[in-house]
PDB file of N, CA and C in Angstrom:
ATOM      1  N   MET A   1       0.831  -1.159   0.031  1.00  0.00           N
ATOM      2  CA  MET A   1       0.015   0.033   0.001  1.00  0.00           C
ATOM      3  C   MET A   1       0.907   1.260  -0.022  1.00  0.00           C
ATOM      4  N   LEU A   2       0.543   2.151  -0.864  1.00  0.00           N
ATOM      5  CA  LEU A   2       1.270   3.427  -0.939  1.00  0.00           C
ATOM      6  C   LEU A   2       0.538   4.424   0.030  1.00  0.00           C
ATOM      7  N   VAL A   3       1.230   5.069   0.882  1.00  0.00           N
ATOM      8  CA  VAL A   3       0.637   6.036   1.826  1.00  0.00           C
ATOM      9  C   VAL A   3       1.225   7.409   1.509  1.00  0.00           C
ATOM     10  N   LEU A   4       0.337   8.385   1.243  1.00  0.00           N
ATOM     11  CA  LEU A   4       0.781   9.732   0.902  1.00  0.00           C
ATOM     12  C   LEU A   4       0.096  10.735   1.749  1.00  0.00           C
ATOM     13  N   THR A   5       0.788  11.866   1.916  1.00  0.00           N
ATOM     14  CA  THR A   5       0.234  13.054   2.561  1.00  0.00           C
ATOM     15  C   THR A   5      -0.113  14.078   1.496  1.00  0.00           C
ATOM     16  N   ARG A   6      -1.270  14.568   1.448  1.00  0.00           N
ATOM     17  CA  ARG A   6      -1.650  15.587   0.457  1.00  0.00           C
ATOM     18  C   ARG A   6      -2.383  16.724   1.170  1.00  0.00           C
ATOM     19  N   LYS A   7      -2.264  17.873   0.522  1.00  0.00           N
ATOM     20  CA  LYS A   7      -2.984  19.034   1.021  1.00  0.00           C
ATOM     21  C   LYS A   7      -4.196  19.326   0.085  1.00  0.00           C
ATOM     22  N   GLN A   8      -5.124  20.179   0.596  1.00  0.00           N
ATOM     23  CA  GLN A   8      -6.244  20.559  -0.219  1.00  0.00           C
ATOM     24  C   GLN A   8      -5.832  21.056  -1.590  1.00  0.00           C
ATOM     25  N   GLY A   9      -6.463  20.531  -2.584  1.00  0.00           N
ATOM     26  CA  GLY A   9      -6.180  20.911  -4.006  1.00  0.00           C
ATOM     27  C   GLY A   9      -5.120  20.091  -4.665  1.00  0.00           C
ATOM     28  N   GLU A  10      -4.377  19.266  -3.942  1.00  0.00           N
ATOM     29  CA  GLU A  10      -3.346  18.461  -4.467  1.00  0.00           C
ATOM     30  C   GLU A  10      -3.983  17.186  -5.074  1.00  0.00           C
ATOM     31  N   LYS A  11      -3.280  16.484  -5.984  1.00  0.00           N
ATOM     32  CA  LYS A  11      -3.824  15.414  -6.736  1.00  0.00           C
ATOM     33  C   LYS A  11      -2.949  14.238  -6.684  1.00  0.00           C
ATOM     34  N   ILE A  12      -3.542  13.072  -6.897  1.00  0.00           N
ATOM     35  CA  ILE A  12      -2.809  11.827  -7.033  1.00  0.00           C
ATOM     36  C   ILE A  12      -3.239  11.225  -8.378  1.00  0.00           C
ATOM     37  N   LEU A  13      -2.267  10.778  -9.135  1.00  0.00           N
ATOM     38  CA  LEU A  13      -2.497  10.198 -10.494  1.00  0.00           C
ATOM     39  C   LEU A  13      -2.365   8.715 -10.374  1.00  0.00           C
ATOM     40  N   ILE A  14      -3.329   7.999 -10.936  1.00  0.00           N
ATOM     41  CA  ILE A  14      -3.302   6.479 -10.969  1.00  0.00           C
ATOM     42  C   ILE A  14      -3.351   6.117 -12.470  1.00  0.00           C
ATOM     43  N   GLY A  15      -2.256   5.577 -12.963  1.00  0.00           N
ATOM     44  CA  GLY A  15      -2.181   5.264 -14.412  1.00  0.00           C
ATOM     45  C   GLY A  15      -2.259   6.568 -15.190  1.00  0.00           C
ATOM     46  N   ASP A  16      -2.786   6.449 -16.403  1.00  0.00           N
ATOM     47  CA  ASP A  16      -2.909   7.605 -17.302  1.00  0.00           C
ATOM     48  C   ASP A  16      -4.250   8.301 -17.234  1.00  0.00           C
ATOM     49  N   ASP A  17      -5.209   7.700 -16.558  1.00  0.00           N
ATOM     50  CA  ASP A  17      -6.574   8.213 -16.738  1.00  0.00           C
ATOM     51  C   ASP A  17      -7.408   8.344 -15.417  1.00  0.00           C
ATOM     52  N   ILE A  18      -6.806   8.111 -14.232  1.00  0.00           N
ATOM     53  CA  ILE A  18      -7.482   8.257 -12.990  1.00  0.00           C
ATOM     54  C   ILE A  18      -6.763   9.321 -12.138  1.00  0.00           C
ATOM     55  N   VAL A  19      -7.617  10.319 -11.700  1.00  0.00           N
ATOM     56  CA  VAL A  19      -7.073  11.419 -10.892  1.00  0.00           C
ATOM     57  C   VAL A  19      -7.850  11.543  -9.604  1.00  0.00           C
ATOM     58  N   ILE A  20      -7.213  11.459  -8.429  1.00  0.00           N
ATOM     59  CA  ILE A  20      -7.801  11.635  -7.112  1.00  0.00           C
ATOM     60  C   ILE A  20      -7.359  13.055  -6.659  1.00  0.00           C
ATOM     61  N   THR A  21      -8.342  13.853  -6.267  1.00  0.00           N
ATOM     62  CA  THR A  21      -8.097  15.244  -5.841  1.00  0.00           C
ATOM     63  C   THR A  21      -8.659  15.407  -4.477  1.00  0.00           C
ATOM     64  N   VAL A  22      -7.849  15.999  -3.535  1.00  0.00           N
ATOM     65  CA  VAL A  22      -8.290  16.362  -2.236  1.00  0.00           C
ATOM     66  C   VAL A  22      -9.025  17.663  -2.350  1.00  0.00           C
ATOM     67  N   LEU A  23     -10.313  17.563  -2.038  1.00  0.00           N
ATOM     68  CA  LEU A  23     -11.150  18.783  -2.211  1.00  0.00           C
ATOM     69  C   LEU A  23     -11.321  19.660  -1.001  1.00  0.00           C
ATOM     70  N   ASP A  24     -11.389  18.970   0.155  1.00  0.00           N
ATOM     71  CA  ASP A  24     -11.585  19.740   1.445  1.00  0.00           C
ATOM     72  C   ASP A  24     -11.106  18.923   2.554  1.00  0.00           C
ATOM     73  N   VAL A  25     -10.571  19.616   3.585  1.00  0.00           N
ATOM     74  CA  VAL A  25     -10.164  18.969   4.787  1.00  0.00           C
ATOM     75  C   VAL A  25     -10.843  19.639   5.992  1.00  0.00           C
ATOM     76  N   ARG A  26     -11.512  18.912   6.763  1.00  0.00           N
ATOM     77  CA  ARG A  26     -12.206  19.465   7.942  1.00  0.00           C
ATOM     78  C   ARG A  26     -12.129  18.531   9.142  1.00  0.00           C
ATOM     79  N   GLY A  27     -11.333  18.942  10.093  1.00  0.00           N
ATOM     80  CA  GLY A  27     -11.128  18.092  11.314  1.00  0.00           C
ATOM     81  C   GLY A  27     -10.512  16.770  10.835  1.00  0.00           C
ATOM     82  N   ASP A  28     -11.249  15.742  11.216  1.00  0.00           N
ATOM     83  CA  ASP A  28     -10.696  14.388  10.865  1.00  0.00           C
ATOM     84  C   ASP A  28     -11.370  13.812   9.645  1.00  0.00           C
ATOM     85  N   SER A  29     -11.999  14.627   8.837  1.00  0.00           N
ATOM     86  CA  SER A  29     -12.587  14.184   7.591  1.00  0.00           C
ATOM     87  C   SER A  29     -12.059  14.914   6.379  1.00  0.00           C
ATOM     88  N   ILE A  30     -11.943  14.198   5.245  1.00  0.00           N
ATOM     89  CA  ILE A  30     -11.533  14.827   4.043  1.00  0.00           C
ATOM     90  C   ILE A  30     -12.549  14.519   2.919  1.00  0.00           C
ATOM     91  N   ARG A  31     -12.684  15.387   1.971  1.00  0.00           N
ATOM     92  CA  ARG A  31     -13.525  15.176   0.791  1.00  0.00           C
ATOM     93  C   ARG A  31     -12.545  14.993  -0.355  1.00  0.00           C
ATOM     94  N   ILE A  32     -12.808  13.836  -1.115  1.00  0.00           N
ATOM     95  CA  ILE A  32     -11.947  13.626  -2.244  1.00  0.00           C
ATOM     96  C   ILE A  32     -12.834  13.522  -3.525  1.00  0.00           C
ATOM     97  N   GLY A  33     -12.250  13.827  -4.577  1.00  0.00           N
ATOM     98  CA  GLY A  33     -12.891  13.703  -5.875  1.00  0.00           C
ATOM     99  C   GLY A  33     -12.165  12.658  -6.706  1.00  0.00           C
ATOM    100  N   VAL A  34     -12.903  11.809  -7.466  1.00  0.00           N
ATOM    101  CA  VAL A  34     -12.294  10.806  -8.278  1.00  0.00           C
ATOM    102  C   VAL A  34     -12.716  11.046  -9.682  1.00  0.00           C
ATOM    103  N   ASP A  35     -11.773  11.256 -10.558  1.00  0.00           N
ATOM    104  CA  ASP A  35     -12.054  11.445 -11.998  1.00  0.00           C
ATOM    105  C   ASP A  35     -11.447  10.209 -12.713  1.00  0.00           C
ATOM    106  N   ALA A  36     -12.445   9.441 -13.286  1.00  0.00           N
ATOM    107  CA  ALA A  36     -12.012   8.142 -13.930  1.00  0.00           C
ATOM    108  C   ALA A  36     -12.856   7.902 -15.164  1.00  0.00           C
ATOM    109  N   PRO A  37     -12.458   7.083 -16.082  1.00  0.00           N
ATOM    110  CA  PRO A  37     -13.315   6.708 -17.250  1.00  0.00           C
ATOM    111  C   PRO A  37     -14.609   6.054 -16.783  1.00  0.00           C
ATOM    112  N   ARG A  38     -15.606   6.255 -17.632  1.00  0.00           N
ATOM    113  CA  ARG A  38     -16.912   5.639 -17.249  1.00  0.00           C
ATOM    114  C   ARG A  38     -16.884   4.136 -17.027  1.00  0.00           C
ATOM    115  N   GLY A  39     -15.989   3.431 -17.649  1.00  0.00           N
ATOM    116  CA  GLY A  39     -15.893   1.985 -17.526  1.00  0.00           C
ATOM    117  C   GLY A  39     -15.326   1.484 -16.206  1.00  0.00           C
ATOM    118  N   ILE A  40     -14.727   2.465 -15.431  1.00  0.00           N
ATOM    119  CA  ILE A  40     -14.164   2.126 -14.150  1.00  0.00           C
ATOM    120  C   ILE A  40     -15.224   2.151 -13.040  1.00  0.00           C
ATOM    121  N   SER A  41     -15.404   1.046 -12.291  1.00  0.00           N
ATOM    122  CA  SER A  41     -16.366   1.037 -11.187  1.00  0.00           C
ATOM    123  C   SER A  41     -15.690   1.639  -9.953  1.00  0.00           C
ATOM    124  N   ILE A  42     -16.389   2.617  -9.324  1.00  0.00           N
ATOM    125  CA  ILE A  42     -15.904   3.223  -8.104  1.00  0.00           C
ATOM    126  C   ILE A  42     -17.005   3.093  -7.031  1.00  0.00           C
ATOM    127  N   GLN A  43     -16.672   2.329  -5.977  1.00  0.00           N
ATOM    128  CA  GLN A  43     -17.624   2.055  -4.950  1.00  0.00           C
ATOM    129  C   GLN A  43     -16.995   2.252  -3.621  1.00  0.00           C
ATOM    130  N   ARG A  44     -17.832   2.583  -2.640  1.00  0.00           N
ATOM    131  CA  ARG A  44     -17.380   2.666  -1.220  1.00  0.00           C
ATOM    132  C   ARG A  44     -17.419   1.239  -0.648  1.00  0.00           C
ATOM    133  N   ALA A  45     -16.311   0.832  -0.059  1.00  0.00           N
ATOM    134  CA  ALA A  45     -16.147  -0.526   0.454  1.00  0.00           C
ATOM    135  C   ALA A  45     -17.231  -0.929   1.467  1.00  0.00           C
ATOM    136  N   GLU A  46     -17.671   0.032   2.327  1.00  0.00           N
ATOM    137  CA  GLU A  46     -18.671  -0.361   3.338  1.00  0.00           C
ATOM    138  C   GLU A  46     -20.057  -0.627   2.668  1.00  0.00           C
ATOM    139  N   ILE A  47     -20.341   0.088   1.625  1.00  0.00           N
ATOM    140  CA  ILE A  47     -21.656  -0.153   0.893  1.00  0.00           C
ATOM    141  C   ILE A  47     -21.578  -1.463   0.201  1.00  0.00           C
ATOM    142  N   LEU A  48     -20.470  -1.805  -0.468  1.00  0.00           N
ATOM    143  CA  LEU A  48     -20.362  -3.070  -1.118  1.00  0.00           C
ATOM    144  C   LEU A  48     -20.448  -4.197  -0.152  1.00  0.00           C
ATOM    145  N   THR A  49     -19.801  -4.083   1.021  1.00  0.00           N
ATOM    146  CA  THR A  49     -19.854  -5.099   2.039  1.00  0.00           C
ATOM    147  C   THR A  49     -21.325  -5.291   2.541  1.00  0.00           C
ATOM    148  N   ALA A  50     -22.062  -4.220   2.821  1.00  0.00           N
ATOM    149  CA  ALA A  50     -23.381  -4.312   3.331  1.00  0.00           C
ATOM    150  C   ALA A  50     -24.300  -4.950   2.258  1.00  0.00           C
ATOM    151  N   VAL A  51     -24.190  -4.592   1.047  1.00  0.00           N
ATOM    152  CA  VAL A  51     -25.048  -5.208  -0.046  1.00  0.00           C
ATOM    153  C   VAL A  51     -24.702  -6.694  -0.135  1.00  0.00           C
ATOM    154  N   THR A  52     -23.466  -7.044  -0.125  1.00  0.00           N
ATOM    155  CA  THR A  52     -23.069  -8.429  -0.194  1.00  0.00           C
ATOM    156  C   THR A  52     -23.603  -9.235   0.889  1.00  0.00           C
ATOM    157  N   GLU A  53     -23.470  -8.734   2.157  1.00  0.00           N
ATOM    158  CA  GLU A  53     -24.005  -9.421   3.301  1.00  0.00           C
ATOM    159  C   GLU A  53     -25.538  -9.578   3.191  1.00  0.00           C
ATOM    160  N   ALA A  54     -26.242  -8.549   2.788  1.00  0.00           N
ATOM    161  CA  ALA A  54     -27.660  -8.630   2.571  1.00  0.00           C
ATOM    162  C   ALA A  54     -28.059  -9.633   1.555  1.00  0.00           C
ATOM    163  N   ASN A  55     -27.363  -9.722   0.440  1.00  0.00           N
ATOM    164  CA  ASN A  55     -27.596 -10.723  -0.545  1.00  0.00           C
ATOM    165  C   ASN A  55     -27.383 -12.153  -0.060  1.00  0.00           C
ATOM    166  N   LEU A  56     -26.310 -12.306   0.696  1.00  0.00           N
ATOM    167  CA  LEU A  56     -26.038 -13.652   1.264  1.00  0.00           C
ATOM    168  C   LEU A  56     -27.167 -14.034   2.213  1.00  0.00           C
ATOM    169  N   GLU A  57     -27.584 -13.137   3.077  1.00  0.00           N
ATOM    170  CA  GLU A  57     -28.640 -13.458   4.031  1.00  0.00           C
ATOM    171  C   GLU A  57     -29.976 -13.775   3.312  1.00  0.00           C
ATOM    172  N   ALA A  58     -30.241 -13.004   2.233  1.00  0.00           N
ATOM    173  CA  ALA A  58     -31.475 -13.261   1.471  1.00  0.00           C
ATOM    174  C   ALA A  58     -31.402 -14.612   0.820  1.00  0.00           C
ATOM    175  N   ASN A  59     -30.257 -15.047   0.298  1.00  0.00           N
ATOM    176  CA  ASN A  59     -30.112 -16.321  -0.311  1.00  0.00           C
ATOM    177  C   ASN A  59     -30.268 -17.464   0.715  1.00  0.00           C
ATOM    178  N   MET A  60     -29.670 -17.256   1.861  1.00  0.00           N
ATOM    179  CA  MET A  60     -29.866 -18.229   2.977  1.00  0.00           C
ATOM    180  C   MET A  60     -31.325 -18.331   3.388  1.00  0.00           C
ATOM    181  N   ALA A  61     -32.069 -17.281   3.547  1.00  0.00           N
ATOM    182  CA  ALA A  61     -33.386 -17.265   3.998  1.00  0.00           C
ATOM    183  C   ALA A  61     -34.258 -18.002   2.950  1.00  0.00           C
ATOM    184  N   ALA A  62     -33.966 -17.851   1.672  1.00  0.00           N
ATOM    185  CA  ALA A  62     -34.722 -18.453   0.554  1.00  0.00           C
ATOM    186  C   ALA A  62     -34.313 -19.916   0.319  1.00  0.00           C
ATOM    187  N   GLY A  63     -33.383 -20.390   1.164  1.00  0.00           N
ATOM    188  CA  GLY A  63     -32.919 -21.770   0.957  1.00  0.00           C
ATOM    189  C   GLY A  63     -32.138 -22.058  -0.263  1.00  0.00           C
ATOM    190  N   ARG A  64     -31.495 -21.028  -0.836  1.00  0.00           N
ATOM    191  CA  ARG A  64     -30.699 -21.129  -2.033  1.00  0.00           C
ATOM    192  C   ARG A  64     -29.267 -20.963  -1.754  1.00  0.00           C
ATOM    193  N   SER A  65     -28.856 -21.533  -0.666  1.00  0.00           N
ATOM    194  CA  SER A  65     -27.450 -21.228  -0.264  1.00  0.00           C
ATOM    195  C   SER A  65     -26.447 -22.308  -0.837  1.00  0.00           C
ATOM    196  N   ASP A  66     -25.356 -21.776  -1.225  1.00  0.00           N
ATOM    197  CA  ASP A  66     -24.218 -22.591  -1.593  1.00  0.00           C
ATOM    198  C   ASP A  66     -23.156 -22.221  -0.666  1.00  0.00           C
ATOM    199  N   GLU A  67     -22.973 -22.958   0.456  1.00  0.00           N
ATOM    200  CA  GLU A  67     -22.110 -22.483   1.525  1.00  0.00           C
ATOM    201  C   GLU A  67     -20.687 -22.250   1.088  1.00  0.00           C
ATOM    202  N   ALA A  68     -20.173 -23.078   0.187  1.00  0.00           N
ATOM    203  CA  ALA A  68     -18.787 -22.970  -0.236  1.00  0.00           C
ATOM    204  C   ALA A  68     -18.654 -21.612  -1.031  1.00  0.00           C
ATOM    205  N   ALA A  69     -19.613 -21.281  -1.861  1.00  0.00           N
ATOM    206  CA  ALA A  69     -19.530 -19.995  -2.610  1.00  0.00           C
ATOM    207  C   ALA A  69     -19.665 -18.841  -1.675  1.00  0.00           C
ATOM    208  N   ALA A  70     -20.556 -18.940  -0.714  1.00  0.00           N
ATOM    209  CA  ALA A  70     -20.810 -17.884   0.269  1.00  0.00           C
ATOM    210  C   ALA A  70     -19.531 -17.693   1.104  1.00  0.00           C
ATOM    211  N   ASP A  71     -18.946 -18.733   1.522  1.00  0.00           N
ATOM    212  CA  ASP A  71     -17.699 -18.627   2.318  1.00  0.00           C
ATOM    213  C   ASP A  71     -16.539 -17.974   1.594  1.00  0.00           C
ATOM    214  N   GLN A  72     -16.462 -18.432   0.284  1.00  0.00           N
ATOM    215  CA  GLN A  72     -15.380 -17.845  -0.577  1.00  0.00           C
ATOM    216  C   GLN A  72     -15.621 -16.324  -0.778  1.00  0.00           C
ATOM    217  N   LEU A  73     -16.920 -15.891  -1.008  1.00  0.00           N
ATOM    218  CA  LEU A  73     -17.238 -14.502  -1.183  1.00  0.00           C
ATOM    219  C   LEU A  73     -16.880 -13.727   0.106  1.00  0.00           C
ATOM    220  N   ARG A  74     -17.305 -14.254   1.246  1.00  0.00           N
ATOM    221  CA  ARG A  74     -16.984 -13.595   2.485  1.00  0.00           C
ATOM    222  C   ARG A  74     -15.435 -13.409   2.641  1.00  0.00           C
ATOM    223  N   SER A  75     -14.737 -14.457   2.418  1.00  0.00           N
ATOM    224  CA  SER A  75     -13.310 -14.433   2.504  1.00  0.00           C
ATOM    225  C   SER A  75     -12.681 -13.408   1.598  1.00  0.00           C
ATOM    226  N   SER A  76     -13.118 -13.389   0.358  1.00  0.00           N
ATOM    227  CA  SER A  76     -12.492 -12.418  -0.575  1.00  0.00           C
ATOM    228  C   SER A  76     -12.772 -11.006  -0.205  1.00  0.00           C
ATOM    229  N   LEU A  77     -13.901 -10.710   0.519  1.00  0.00           N
ATOM    230  CA  LEU A  77     -14.218  -9.379   0.982  1.00  0.00           C
ATOM    231  C   LEU A  77     -13.693  -9.117   2.361  1.00  0.00           C
ATOM    232  N   GLY A  78     -13.055 -10.067   2.986  1.00  0.00           N
ATOM    233  CA  GLY A  78     -12.452  -9.827   4.328  1.00  0.00           C
ATOM    234  C   GLY A  78     -13.554  -9.849   5.377  1.00  0.00           C
ATOM    235  N   LEU A  79     -14.720 -10.492   5.126  1.00  0.00           N
ATOM    236  CA  LEU A  79     -15.802 -10.586   6.113  1.00  0.00           C
ATOM    237  C   LEU A  79     -15.614 -11.778   7.030  1.00  0.00           C
ATOM    238  N   PRO A  80     -16.083 -11.680   8.223  1.00  0.00           N
ATOM    239  CA  PRO A  80     -15.940 -12.840   9.111  1.00  0.00           C
ATOM    240  C   PRO A  80     -16.978 -13.933   8.727  1.00  0.00           C
ATOM    241  N   ALA A  81     -16.654 -15.140   9.141  1.00  0.00           N
ATOM    242  CA  ALA A  81     -17.585 -16.290   8.872  1.00  0.00           C
ATOM    243  C   ALA A  81     -18.728 -16.138   9.799  1.00  0.00           C
ATOM    244  N   PRO A  82     -19.934 -16.555   9.379  1.00  0.00           N
ATOM    245  CA  PRO A  82     -21.127 -16.469  10.241  1.00  0.00           C
ATOM    246  C   PRO A  82     -20.984 -17.318  11.410  1.00  0.00           C
ATOM    247  N   VAL A  83     -21.620 -16.901  12.570  1.00  0.00           N
ATOM    248  CA  VAL A  83     -21.606 -17.631  13.779  1.00  0.00           C
ATOM    249  C   VAL A  83     -22.817 -18.503  13.790  1.00  0.00           C
ATOM    250  N   THR A  84     -22.555 -19.876  13.977  1.00  0.00           N
ATOM    251  CA  THR A  84     -23.711 -20.802  13.948  1.00  0.00           C
ATOM    252  C   THR A  84     -24.150 -20.941  15.495  1.00  0.00           C
ATOM    253  N   PRO A  85     -25.471 -20.839  15.692  1.00  0.00           N
ATOM    254  CA  PRO A  85     -25.981 -20.947  17.057  1.00  0.00           C
ATOM    255  C   PRO A  85     -25.794 -22.375  17.652  1.00  0.00           C
ATOM    256  N   ALA A  86     -25.528 -22.458  18.926  1.00  0.00           N
ATOM    257  CA  ALA A  86     -25.380 -23.761  19.571  1.00  0.00           C
ATOM    258  C   ALA A  86     -26.705 -24.430  19.687  1.00  0.00           C
ATOM    259  N   PRO A  87     -26.824 -25.700  19.505  1.00  0.00           N
ATOM    260  CA  PRO A  87     -28.151 -26.426  19.586  1.00  0.00           C
ATOM    261  C   PRO A  87     -28.743 -26.407  20.947  1.00  0.00           C
TER     262      PRO A  87
END
């Protein structure tokens, strides 16, 4: 992982066509802008994790679970394995 310190208005370039710009710094929060081609998907990790978990739960509730696939998906997203209740 590359760790950089940037000030407001400064940019980070990724490849030839992605630009990250620090827009604003307030206390412990920053606003960033991402300029990338339309074909590049940009998502917030916490939203992707929440949607994935909701989809897994819905599949389990509907009885359409493939535990091996669900475990692999959780693992690839860095999510913990579900806790099974004691009988």
